[in-house]
Amino acid sequence: MYDPDVGADVAFMAEEIAPGCQDPELIGRARRIAEAQVDLMRVARARRDIISAAMADPTTGPSPA
């Protein structure tokens, strides 16, 4: 993860998935799961922001065909 905040979220979540684990393979799997979860959360947040903006200004919707 290049974003330090995202990297911290992934590390925290991976530790929650596999607490105290010392197996590198399992830690890697937990990190991949955590990365996917963080991505899903970011997508959900972006979707919510787009919908909120559209509801605040209904003139920004798709143009009629």
N, C-alpha and C. Protein backbone atom coordinates (compact mmCIF):
# COMPACT_ATOMS: atom_id res chain seq x y z
N MET A 1 0.84 -1.17 0.00
CA MET A 1 0.00 0.00 0.00
C MET A 1 0.89 1.24 0.00
N TYR A 2 0.63 2.16 -0.91
CA TYR A 2 1.43 3.37 -1.01
C TYR A 2 0.93 4.46 -0.07
N ASP A 3 -0.34 4.49 0.18
CA ASP A 3 -0.92 5.48 1.09
C ASP A 3 -0.71 5.00 2.52
N PRO A 4 0.03 5.77 3.33
CA PRO A 4 0.31 5.31 4.70
C PRO A 4 -0.95 5.06 5.53
N ASP A 5 -1.98 5.87 5.32
CA ASP A 5 -3.22 5.67 6.06
C ASP A 5 -3.88 4.35 5.67
N VAL A 6 -3.88 4.06 4.39
CA VAL A 6 -4.47 2.81 3.91
C VAL A 6 -3.63 1.64 4.40
N GLY A 7 -2.32 1.79 4.33
CA GLY A 7 -1.43 0.72 4.81
C GLY A 7 -1.67 0.41 6.27
N ALA A 8 -1.89 1.45 7.07
CA ALA A 8 -2.16 1.25 8.50
C ALA A 8 -3.50 0.53 8.69
N ASP A 9 -4.49 0.91 7.89
CA ASP A 9 -5.80 0.24 7.98
C ASP A 9 -5.67 -1.23 7.62
N VAL A 10 -4.90 -1.52 6.56
CA VAL A 10 -4.71 -2.91 6.13
C VAL A 10 -3.98 -3.70 7.22
N ALA A 11 -2.94 -3.11 7.77
CA ALA A 11 -2.17 -3.81 8.81
C ALA A 11 -3.06 -4.10 10.02
N PHE A 12 -3.86 -3.12 10.43
CA PHE A 12 -4.75 -3.30 11.58
C PHE A 12 -5.76 -4.41 11.30
N MET A 13 -6.37 -4.36 10.10
CA MET A 13 -7.38 -5.35 9.75
C MET A 13 -6.78 -6.75 9.63
N ALA A 14 -5.58 -6.84 9.06
CA ALA A 14 -4.92 -8.15 8.92
C ALA A 14 -4.65 -8.74 10.29
N GLU A 15 -4.26 -7.90 11.24
CA GLU A 15 -4.02 -8.39 12.61
C GLU A 15 -5.33 -8.84 13.25
N GLU A 16 -6.42 -8.18 12.93
CA GLU A 16 -7.73 -8.59 13.43
C GLU A 16 -8.15 -9.93 12.83
N ILE A 17 -7.79 -10.16 11.57
CA ILE A 17 -8.15 -11.40 10.89
C ILE A 17 -7.33 -12.57 11.43
N ALA A 18 -6.04 -12.35 11.64
CA ALA A 18 -5.14 -13.42 12.10
C ALA A 18 -4.32 -12.91 13.28
N PRO A 19 -4.96 -12.75 14.44
CA PRO A 19 -4.26 -12.16 15.59
C PRO A 19 -3.07 -12.99 16.05
N GLY A 20 -1.92 -12.32 16.17
CA GLY A 20 -0.73 -12.97 16.70
C GLY A 20 -0.13 -14.04 15.81
N CYS A 21 -0.60 -14.16 14.59
CA CYS A 21 -0.13 -15.21 13.68
C CYS A 21 1.34 -14.96 13.31
N GLN A 22 2.10 -16.03 13.25
CA GLN A 22 3.51 -15.96 12.85
C GLN A 22 3.78 -16.64 11.51
N ASP A 23 2.76 -17.28 10.94
CA ASP A 23 2.90 -17.99 9.66
C ASP A 23 2.86 -16.97 8.51
N PRO A 24 3.97 -16.79 7.79
CA PRO A 24 4.02 -15.79 6.72
C PRO A 24 2.95 -15.99 5.64
N GLU A 25 2.65 -17.24 5.33
CA GLU A 25 1.63 -17.49 4.31
C GLU A 25 0.26 -17.03 4.80
N LEU A 26 -0.07 -17.35 6.02
CA LEU A 26 -1.36 -16.93 6.58
C LEU A 26 -1.42 -15.41 6.74
N ILE A 27 -0.33 -14.80 7.14
CA ILE A 27 -0.29 -13.34 7.26
C ILE A 27 -0.51 -12.70 5.89
N GLY A 28 0.11 -13.27 4.85
CA GLY A 28 -0.09 -12.75 3.49
C GLY A 28 -1.53 -12.86 3.05
N ARG A 29 -2.16 -13.98 3.37
CA ARG A 29 -3.58 -14.15 3.03
C ARG A 29 -4.45 -13.16 3.79
N ALA A 30 -4.16 -12.97 5.05
CA ALA A 30 -4.92 -12.02 5.87
C ALA A 30 -4.76 -10.61 5.30
N ARG A 31 -3.56 -10.25 4.86
CA ARG A 31 -3.32 -8.93 4.26
C ARG A 31 -4.12 -8.76 2.97
N ARG A 32 -4.16 -9.81 2.15
CA ARG A 32 -4.93 -9.71 0.90
C ARG A 32 -6.42 -9.54 1.19
N ILE A 33 -6.92 -10.25 2.18
CA ILE A 33 -8.32 -10.08 2.58
C ILE A 33 -8.55 -8.66 3.08
N ALA A 34 -7.64 -8.18 3.91
CA ALA A 34 -7.76 -6.82 4.46
C ALA A 34 -7.69 -5.78 3.34
N GLU A 35 -6.79 -5.96 2.38
CA GLU A 35 -6.69 -5.02 1.26
C GLU A 35 -8.00 -4.98 0.47
N ALA A 36 -8.59 -6.15 0.23
CA ALA A 36 -9.86 -6.20 -0.49
C ALA A 36 -10.96 -5.51 0.30
N GLN A 37 -10.98 -5.71 1.60
CA GLN A 37 -11.99 -5.08 2.44
C GLN A 37 -11.83 -3.56 2.44
N VAL A 38 -10.60 -3.08 2.53
CA VAL A 38 -10.35 -1.64 2.50
C VAL A 38 -10.79 -1.07 1.15
N ASP A 39 -10.50 -1.79 0.05
CA ASP A 39 -10.95 -1.34 -1.26
C ASP A 39 -12.47 -1.25 -1.32
N LEU A 40 -13.16 -2.25 -0.79
CA LEU A 40 -14.62 -2.23 -0.78
C LEU A 40 -15.15 -1.05 0.03
N MET A 41 -14.51 -0.78 1.14
CA MET A 41 -14.94 0.36 1.96
C MET A 41 -14.72 1.68 1.22
N ARG A 42 -13.62 1.79 0.51
CA ARG A 42 -13.35 3.01 -0.26
C ARG A 42 -14.36 3.18 -1.39
N VAL A 43 -14.72 2.09 -2.07
CA VAL A 43 -15.72 2.14 -3.13
C VAL A 43 -17.07 2.55 -2.56
N ALA A 44 -17.45 1.96 -1.44
CA ALA A 44 -18.74 2.30 -0.80
C ALA A 44 -18.76 3.78 -0.41
N ARG A 45 -17.64 4.28 0.12
CA ARG A 45 -17.57 5.69 0.52
C ARG A 45 -17.69 6.60 -0.71
N ALA A 46 -16.99 6.25 -1.79
CA ALA A 46 -17.06 7.05 -3.02
C ALA A 46 -18.48 7.03 -3.58
N ARG A 47 -19.10 5.87 -3.57
CA ARG A 47 -20.48 5.74 -4.06
C ARG A 47 -21.42 6.61 -3.23
N ARG A 48 -21.27 6.55 -1.92
CA ARG A 48 -22.10 7.36 -1.03
C ARG A 48 -21.90 8.85 -1.32
N ASP A 49 -20.65 9.26 -1.52
CA ASP A 49 -20.37 10.68 -1.79
C ASP A 49 -20.98 11.12 -3.11
N ILE A 50 -20.92 10.26 -4.13
CA ILE A 50 -21.51 10.59 -5.43
C ILE A 50 -23.02 10.72 -5.32
N ILE A 51 -23.64 9.78 -4.63
CA ILE A 51 -25.10 9.82 -4.46
C ILE A 51 -25.50 11.04 -3.65
N SER A 52 -24.77 11.35 -2.59
CA SER A 52 -25.07 12.52 -1.76
C SER A 52 -24.96 13.81 -2.58
N ALA A 53 -23.92 13.90 -3.40
CA ALA A 53 -23.74 15.09 -4.24
C ALA A 53 -24.88 15.21 -5.25
N ALA A 54 -25.29 14.10 -5.84
CA ALA A 54 -26.37 14.12 -6.82
C ALA A 54 -27.69 14.52 -6.16
N MET A 55 -27.90 14.06 -4.93
CA MET A 55 -29.14 14.41 -4.24
C MET A 55 -29.14 15.88 -3.82
N ALA A 56 -27.98 16.41 -3.51
CA ALA A 56 -27.88 17.82 -3.11
C ALA A 56 -28.08 18.74 -4.30
N ASP A 57 -27.69 18.30 -5.50
CA ASP A 57 -27.82 19.11 -6.70
C ASP A 57 -28.37 18.25 -7.82
N PRO A 58 -29.70 18.14 -7.91
CA PRO A 58 -30.30 17.23 -8.90
C PRO A 58 -30.01 17.62 -10.35
N THR A 59 -29.50 18.83 -10.59
CA THR A 59 -29.19 19.24 -11.98
C THR A 59 -27.93 18.60 -12.49
N THR A 60 -27.19 17.88 -11.64
CA THR A 60 -25.94 17.27 -12.09
C THR A 60 -26.13 15.85 -12.58
N GLY A 61 -27.35 15.39 -12.71
CA GLY A 61 -27.63 14.03 -13.17
C GLY A 61 -27.26 13.84 -14.63
N PRO A 62 -27.49 12.64 -15.15
CA PRO A 62 -27.17 12.36 -16.54
C PRO A 62 -28.03 13.21 -17.48
N SER A 63 -27.46 13.61 -18.60
CA SER A 63 -28.22 14.44 -19.53
C SER A 63 -29.23 13.57 -20.27
N PRO A 64 -30.39 14.14 -20.60
CA PRO A 64 -31.42 13.37 -21.31
C PRO A 64 -30.94 13.00 -22.70
N ALA A 65 -31.35 11.85 -23.16
CA ALA A 65 -30.93 11.36 -24.49
C ALA A 65 -31.78 11.91 -25.58
